[in-house]
Amino acid sequence: MADFTPEELRAKILEYLGKKDKAKNRDIATAFDTSKKEVDKMVNEMAKEGILEFLYLGTSYVKLKDKE
């Protein structure tokens, strides 16, 4: 399992979501071979900062806040 600094993980999440309309935290974790717990923590932090937003479509997804 890959270990990333918080800055590296943040950059990877932004890059990943820049290519997707939306994603589940588990899919992001799998894409970077890192723990879902770490992705959850960073996604929550980024959502509090207004960078990401949660979508609830029967299950929860995240997406870049201003990306349509």
PDB file of N, CA and C in Angstrom:
ATOM      1  N   MET A   1       0.842  -1.176   0.000  1.00  0.00           N
ATOM      2  CA  MET A   1       0.000   0.000   0.000  1.00  0.00           C
ATOM      3  C   MET A   1       0.891   1.244   0.000  1.00  0.00           C
ATOM      4  N   ALA A   2       0.531   2.193  -0.819  1.00  0.00           N
ATOM      5  CA  ALA A   2       1.340   3.401  -0.981  1.00  0.00           C
ATOM      6  C   ALA A   2       1.112   4.368   0.177  1.00  0.00           C
ATOM      7  N   ASP A   3       2.190   5.000   0.600  1.00  0.00           N
ATOM      8  CA  ASP A   3       2.123   6.055   1.615  1.00  0.00           C
ATOM      9  C   ASP A   3       2.366   7.384   0.932  1.00  0.00           C
ATOM     10  N   PHE A   4       1.455   8.309   1.113  1.00  0.00           N
ATOM     11  CA  PHE A   4       1.587   9.639   0.536  1.00  0.00           C
ATOM     12  C   PHE A   4       1.591  10.665   1.653  1.00  0.00           C
ATOM     13  N   THR A   5       2.294  11.759   1.440  1.00  0.00           N
ATOM     14  CA  THR A   5       2.162  12.877   2.361  1.00  0.00           C
ATOM     15  C   THR A   5       0.773  13.465   2.130  1.00  0.00           C
ATOM     16  N   PRO A   6       0.260  14.229   3.076  1.00  0.00           N
ATOM     17  CA  PRO A   6      -1.049  14.852   2.853  1.00  0.00           C
ATOM     18  C   PRO A   6      -1.086  15.701   1.579  1.00  0.00           C
ATOM     19  N   GLU A   7      -0.006  16.399   1.292  1.00  0.00           N
ATOM     20  CA  GLU A   7       0.051  17.234   0.089  1.00  0.00           C
ATOM     21  C   GLU A   7       0.011  16.391  -1.177  1.00  0.00           C
ATOM     22  N   GLU A   8       0.720  15.263  -1.168  1.00  0.00           N
ATOM     23  CA  GLU A   8       0.712  14.365  -2.328  1.00  0.00           C
ATOM     24  C   GLU A   8      -0.682  13.769  -2.546  1.00  0.00           C
ATOM     25  N   LEU A   9      -1.316  13.342  -1.464  1.00  0.00           N
ATOM     26  CA  LEU A   9      -2.643  12.742  -1.582  1.00  0.00           C
ATOM     27  C   LEU A   9      -3.643  13.775  -2.082  1.00  0.00           C
ATOM     28  N   ARG A  10      -3.568  14.988  -1.558  1.00  0.00           N
ATOM     29  CA  ARG A  10      -4.456  16.071  -2.012  1.00  0.00           C
ATOM     30  C   ARG A  10      -4.296  16.289  -3.516  1.00  0.00           C
ATOM     31  N   ALA A  11      -3.058  16.359  -3.984  1.00  0.00           N
ATOM     32  CA  ALA A  11      -2.790  16.574  -5.410  1.00  0.00           C
ATOM     33  C   ALA A  11      -3.327  15.417  -6.246  1.00  0.00           C
ATOM     34  N   LYS A  12      -3.158  14.194  -5.760  1.00  0.00           N
ATOM     35  CA  LYS A  12      -3.641  13.027  -6.504  1.00  0.00           C
ATOM     36  C   LYS A  12      -5.168  13.007  -6.576  1.00  0.00           C
ATOM     37  N   ILE A  13      -5.836  13.379  -5.488  1.00  0.00           N
ATOM     38  CA  ILE A  13      -7.297  13.431  -5.488  1.00  0.00           C
ATOM     39  C   ILE A  13      -7.781  14.492  -6.473  1.00  0.00           C
ATOM     40  N   LEU A  14      -7.156  15.659  -6.455  1.00  0.00           N
ATOM     41  CA  LEU A  14      -7.537  16.722  -7.395  1.00  0.00           C
ATOM     42  C   LEU A  14      -7.328  16.278  -8.838  1.00  0.00           C
ATOM     43  N   GLU A  15      -6.217  15.632  -9.107  1.00  0.00           N
ATOM     44  CA  GLU A  15      -5.932  15.142 -10.457  1.00  0.00           C
ATOM     45  C   GLU A  15      -6.975  14.095 -10.879  1.00  0.00           C
ATOM     46  N   TYR A  16      -7.265  13.158  -9.988  1.00  0.00           N
ATOM     47  CA  TYR A  16      -8.221  12.090 -10.283  1.00  0.00           C
ATOM     48  C   TYR A  16      -9.608  12.665 -10.569  1.00  0.00           C
ATOM     49  N   LEU A  17     -10.073  13.567  -9.704  1.00  0.00           N
ATOM     50  CA  LEU A  17     -11.411  14.136  -9.887  1.00  0.00           C
ATOM     51  C   LEU A  17     -11.458  15.111 -11.054  1.00  0.00           C
ATOM     52  N   GLY A  18     -10.315  15.615 -11.481  1.00  0.00           N
ATOM     53  CA  GLY A  18     -10.273  16.455 -12.671  1.00  0.00           C
ATOM     54  C   GLY A  18     -10.597  15.673 -13.935  1.00  0.00           C
ATOM     55  N   LYS A  19     -10.426  14.355 -13.862  1.00  0.00           N
ATOM     56  CA  LYS A  19     -10.683  13.481 -15.017  1.00  0.00           C
ATOM     57  C   LYS A  19     -12.029  12.765 -14.927  1.00  0.00           C
ATOM     58  N   LYS A  20     -12.693  12.871 -13.771  1.00  0.00           N
ATOM     59  CA  LYS A  20     -13.966  12.166 -13.541  1.00  0.00           C
ATOM     60  C   LYS A  20     -15.048  13.170 -13.182  1.00  0.00           C
ATOM     61  N   ASP A  21     -16.291  12.823 -13.471  1.00  0.00           N
ATOM     62  CA  ASP A  21     -17.412  13.661 -13.044  1.00  0.00           C
ATOM     63  C   ASP A  21     -17.619  13.548 -11.547  1.00  0.00           C
ATOM     64  N   LYS A  22     -17.502  12.324 -11.047  1.00  0.00           N
ATOM     65  CA  LYS A  22     -17.678  12.045  -9.627  1.00  0.00           C
ATOM     66  C   LYS A  22     -16.985  10.722  -9.331  1.00  0.00           C
ATOM     67  N   ALA A  23     -16.716  10.473  -8.068  1.00  0.00           N
ATOM     68  CA  ALA A  23     -16.071   9.218  -7.687  1.00  0.00           C
ATOM     69  C   ALA A  23     -16.412   8.877  -6.250  1.00  0.00           C
ATOM     70  N   LYS A  24     -16.369   7.613  -5.942  1.00  0.00           N
ATOM     71  CA  LYS A  24     -16.509   7.152  -4.568  1.00  0.00           C
ATOM     72  C   LYS A  24     -15.126   7.183  -3.926  1.00  0.00           C
ATOM     73  N   ASN A  25     -15.101   7.438  -2.631  1.00  0.00           N
ATOM     74  CA  ASN A  25     -13.813   7.453  -1.929  1.00  0.00           C
ATOM     75  C   ASN A  25     -13.075   6.134  -2.094  1.00  0.00           C
ATOM     76  N   ARG A  26     -13.808   5.034  -2.091  1.00  0.00           N
ATOM     77  CA  ARG A  26     -13.186   3.715  -2.248  1.00  0.00           C
ATOM     78  C   ARG A  26     -12.487   3.598  -3.608  1.00  0.00           C
ATOM     79  N   ASP A  27     -13.102   4.149  -4.661  1.00  0.00           N
ATOM     80  CA  ASP A  27     -12.494   4.101  -5.991  1.00  0.00           C
ATOM     81  C   ASP A  27     -11.209   4.926  -6.040  1.00  0.00           C
ATOM     82  N   ILE A  28     -11.214   6.058  -5.356  1.00  0.00           N
ATOM     83  CA  ILE A  28     -10.012   6.897  -5.302  1.00  0.00           C
ATOM     84  C   ILE A  28      -8.909   6.139  -4.570  1.00  0.00           C
ATOM     85  N   ALA A  29      -9.239   5.543  -3.445  1.00  0.00           N
ATOM     86  CA  ALA A  29      -8.250   4.781  -2.676  1.00  0.00           C
ATOM     87  C   ALA A  29      -7.671   3.635  -3.500  1.00  0.00           C
ATOM     88  N   THR A  30      -8.533   2.928  -4.212  1.00  0.00           N
ATOM     89  CA  THR A  30      -8.081   1.809  -5.043  1.00  0.00           C
ATOM     90  C   THR A  30      -7.169   2.300  -6.167  1.00  0.00           C
ATOM     91  N   ALA A  31      -7.511   3.415  -6.779  1.00  0.00           N
ATOM     92  CA  ALA A  31      -6.719   3.945  -7.893  1.00  0.00           C
ATOM     93  C   ALA A  31      -5.290   4.269  -7.473  1.00  0.00           C
ATOM     94  N   PHE A  32      -5.116   4.670  -6.215  1.00  0.00           N
ATOM     95  CA  PHE A  32      -3.781   5.049  -5.746  1.00  0.00           C
ATOM     96  C   PHE A  32      -3.197   4.056  -4.755  1.00  0.00           C
ATOM     97  N   ASP A  33      -3.826   2.893  -4.624  1.00  0.00           N
ATOM     98  CA  ASP A  33      -3.351   1.835  -3.737  1.00  0.00           C
ATOM     99  C   ASP A  33      -3.041   2.393  -2.342  1.00  0.00           C
ATOM    100  N   THR A  34      -3.993   3.140  -1.813  1.00  0.00           N
ATOM    101  CA  THR A  34      -3.851   3.687  -0.467  1.00  0.00           C
ATOM    102  C   THR A  34      -5.113   3.360   0.321  1.00  0.00           C
ATOM    103  N   SER A  35      -5.101   3.634   1.605  1.00  0.00           N
ATOM    104  CA  SER A  35      -6.238   3.249   2.439  1.00  0.00           C
ATOM    105  C   SER A  35      -7.422   4.193   2.251  1.00  0.00           C
ATOM    106  N   LYS A  36      -8.609   3.619   2.327  1.00  0.00           N
ATOM    107  CA  LYS A  36      -9.830   4.416   2.226  1.00  0.00           C
ATOM    108  C   LYS A  36      -9.893   5.386   3.395  1.00  0.00           C
ATOM    109  N   LYS A  37      -9.416   4.984   4.545  1.00  0.00           N
ATOM    110  CA  LYS A  37      -9.426   5.845   5.726  1.00  0.00           C
ATOM    111  C   LYS A  37      -8.664   7.145   5.458  1.00  0.00           C
ATOM    112  N   GLU A  38      -7.512   7.054   4.815  1.00  0.00           N
ATOM    113  CA  GLU A  38      -6.728   8.249   4.493  1.00  0.00           C
ATOM    114  C   GLU A  38      -7.437   9.119   3.466  1.00  0.00           C
ATOM    115  N   VAL A  39      -8.046   8.475   2.472  1.00  0.00           N
ATOM    116  CA  VAL A  39      -8.802   9.215   1.456  1.00  0.00           C
ATOM    117  C   VAL A  39     -10.000   9.902   2.107  1.00  0.00           C
ATOM    118  N   ASP A  40     -10.726   9.183   2.974  1.00  0.00           N
ATOM    119  CA  ASP A  40     -11.875   9.768   3.671  1.00  0.00           C
ATOM    120  C   ASP A  40     -11.459  11.025   4.432  1.00  0.00           C
ATOM    121  N   LYS A  41     -10.357  10.924   5.146  1.00  0.00           N
ATOM    122  CA  LYS A  41      -9.865  12.047   5.951  1.00  0.00           C
ATOM    123  C   LYS A  41      -9.544  13.258   5.064  1.00  0.00           C
ATOM    124  N   MET A  42      -8.844  13.028   3.967  1.00  0.00           N
ATOM    125  CA  MET A  42      -8.455  14.128   3.077  1.00  0.00           C
ATOM    126  C   MET A  42      -9.673  14.696   2.351  1.00  0.00           C
ATOM    127  N   VAL A  43     -10.573  13.849   1.901  1.00  0.00           N
ATOM    128  CA  VAL A  43     -11.772  14.312   1.208  1.00  0.00           C
ATOM    129  C   VAL A  43     -12.609  15.192   2.147  1.00  0.00           C
ATOM    130  N   ASN A  44     -12.767  14.765   3.388  1.00  0.00           N
ATOM    131  CA  ASN A  44     -13.527  15.563   4.357  1.00  0.00           C
ATOM    132  C   ASN A  44     -12.873  16.923   4.578  1.00  0.00           C
ATOM    133  N   GLU A  45     -11.559  16.928   4.691  1.00  0.00           N
ATOM    134  CA  GLU A  45     -10.820  18.184   4.862  1.00  0.00           C
ATOM    135  C   GLU A  45     -11.019  19.098   3.648  1.00  0.00           C
ATOM    136  N   MET A  46     -10.926  18.518   2.463  1.00  0.00           N
ATOM    137  CA  MET A  46     -11.082  19.301   1.230  1.00  0.00           C
ATOM    138  C   MET A  46     -12.513  19.807   1.073  1.00  0.00           C
ATOM    139  N   ALA A  47     -13.494  19.031   1.536  1.00  0.00           N
ATOM    140  CA  ALA A  47     -14.887  19.477   1.487  1.00  0.00           C
ATOM    141  C   ALA A  47     -15.102  20.655   2.438  1.00  0.00           C
ATOM    142  N   LYS A  48     -14.504  20.598   3.625  1.00  0.00           N
ATOM    143  CA  LYS A  48     -14.612  21.706   4.587  1.00  0.00           C
ATOM    144  C   LYS A  48     -13.992  22.983   4.030  1.00  0.00           C
ATOM    145  N   GLU A  49     -12.961  22.820   3.193  1.00  0.00           N
ATOM    146  CA  GLU A  49     -12.290  23.971   2.578  1.00  0.00           C
ATOM    147  C   GLU A  49     -13.047  24.483   1.352  1.00  0.00           C
ATOM    148  N   GLY A  50     -14.103  23.781   0.943  1.00  0.00           N
ATOM    149  CA  GLY A  50     -14.889  24.205  -0.207  1.00  0.00           C
ATOM    150  C   GLY A  50     -14.312  23.783  -1.551  1.00  0.00           C
ATOM    151  N   ILE A  51     -13.368  22.856  -1.545  1.00  0.00           N
ATOM    152  CA  ILE A  51     -12.742  22.380  -2.782  1.00  0.00           C
ATOM    153  C   ILE A  51     -13.570  21.264  -3.414  1.00  0.00           C
ATOM    154  N   LEU A  52     -14.109  20.396  -2.568  1.00  0.00           N
ATOM    155  CA  LEU A  52     -14.919  19.264  -3.018  1.00  0.00           C
ATOM    156  C   LEU A  52     -16.314  19.383  -2.430  1.00  0.00           C
ATOM    157  N   GLU A  53     -17.239  18.667  -3.053  1.00  0.00           N
ATOM    158  CA  GLU A  53     -18.573  18.562  -2.475  1.00  0.00           C
ATOM    159  C   GLU A  53     -19.050  17.124  -2.575  1.00  0.00           C
ATOM    160  N   PHE A  54     -19.923  16.768  -1.665  1.00  0.00           N
ATOM    161  CA  PHE A  54     -20.485  15.426  -1.640  1.00  0.00           C
ATOM    162  C   PHE A  54     -21.767  15.390  -2.458  1.00  0.00           C
ATOM    163  N   LEU A  55     -21.968  14.295  -3.148  1.00  0.00           N
ATOM    164  CA  LEU A  55     -23.212  14.026  -3.874  1.00  0.00           C
ATOM    165  C   LEU A  55     -23.808  12.766  -3.268  1.00  0.00           C
ATOM    166  N   TYR A  56     -25.092  12.789  -3.002  1.00  0.00           N
ATOM    167  CA  TYR A  56     -25.762  11.618  -2.451  1.00  0.00           C
ATOM    168  C   TYR A  56     -26.781  11.132  -3.474  1.00  0.00           C
ATOM    169  N   LEU A  57     -26.382  10.102  -4.210  1.00  0.00           N
ATOM    170  CA  LEU A  57     -27.209   9.548  -5.280  1.00  0.00           C
ATOM    171  C   LEU A  57     -27.466   8.067  -4.991  1.00  0.00           C
ATOM    172  N   GLY A  58     -28.077   7.790  -3.858  1.00  0.00           N
ATOM    173  CA  GLY A  58     -28.258   6.406  -3.430  1.00  0.00           C
ATOM    174  C   GLY A  58     -27.043   5.899  -2.689  1.00  0.00           C
ATOM    175  N   THR A  59     -25.905   6.446  -2.998  1.00  0.00           N
ATOM    176  CA  THR A  59     -24.644   6.218  -2.306  1.00  0.00           C
ATOM    177  C   THR A  59     -23.886   7.539  -2.388  1.00  0.00           C
ATOM    178  N   SER A  60     -22.845   7.703  -1.631  1.00  0.00           N
ATOM    179  CA  SER A  60     -22.176   9.006  -1.656  1.00  0.00           C
ATOM    180  C   SER A  60     -20.995   9.017  -2.623  1.00  0.00           C
ATOM    181  N   TYR A  61     -20.872  10.129  -3.308  1.00  0.00           N
ATOM    182  CA  TYR A  61     -19.780  10.401  -4.231  1.00  0.00           C
ATOM    183  C   TYR A  61     -19.182  11.750  -3.836  1.00  0.00           C
ATOM    184  N   VAL A  62     -17.996  12.029  -4.370  1.00  0.00           N
ATOM    185  CA  VAL A  62     -17.414  13.360  -4.247  1.00  0.00           C
ATOM    186  C   VAL A  62     -17.095  13.868  -5.636  1.00  0.00           C
ATOM    187  N   LYS A  63     -17.056  15.190  -5.760  1.00  0.00           N
ATOM    188  CA  LYS A  63     -16.677  15.807  -7.029  1.00  0.00           C
ATOM    189  C   LYS A  63     -16.051  17.152  -6.728  1.00  0.00           C
ATOM    190  N   LEU A  64     -15.320  17.681  -7.706  1.00  0.00           N
ATOM    191  CA  LEU A  64     -14.782  19.023  -7.579  1.00  0.00           C
ATOM    192  C   LEU A  64     -15.946  19.975  -7.474  1.00  0.00           C
ATOM    193  N   LYS A  65     -15.873  20.951  -6.590  1.00  0.00           N
ATOM    194  CA  LYS A  65     -17.015  21.808  -6.291  1.00  0.00           C
ATOM    195  C   LYS A  65     -17.538  22.542  -7.506  1.00  0.00           C
ATOM    196  N   ASP A  66     -16.680  23.119  -8.319  1.00  0.00           N
ATOM    197  CA  ASP A  66     -17.147  23.948  -9.436  1.00  0.00           C
ATOM    198  C   ASP A  66     -17.188  23.210 -10.761  1.00  0.00           C
ATOM    199  N   LYS A  67     -16.953  21.919 -10.742  1.00  0.00           N
ATOM    200  CA  LYS A  67     -16.974  21.152 -11.990  1.00  0.00           C
ATOM    201  C   LYS A  67     -18.388  20.653 -12.256  1.00  0.00           C
ATOM    202  N   GLU A  68     -18.893  20.952 -13.426  1.00  0.00           N
ATOM    203  CA  GLU A  68     -20.252  20.511 -13.796  1.00  0.00           C
ATOM    204  C   GLU A  68     -20.215  19.200 -14.501  1.00  0.00           C
TER     205      GLU A  68
END
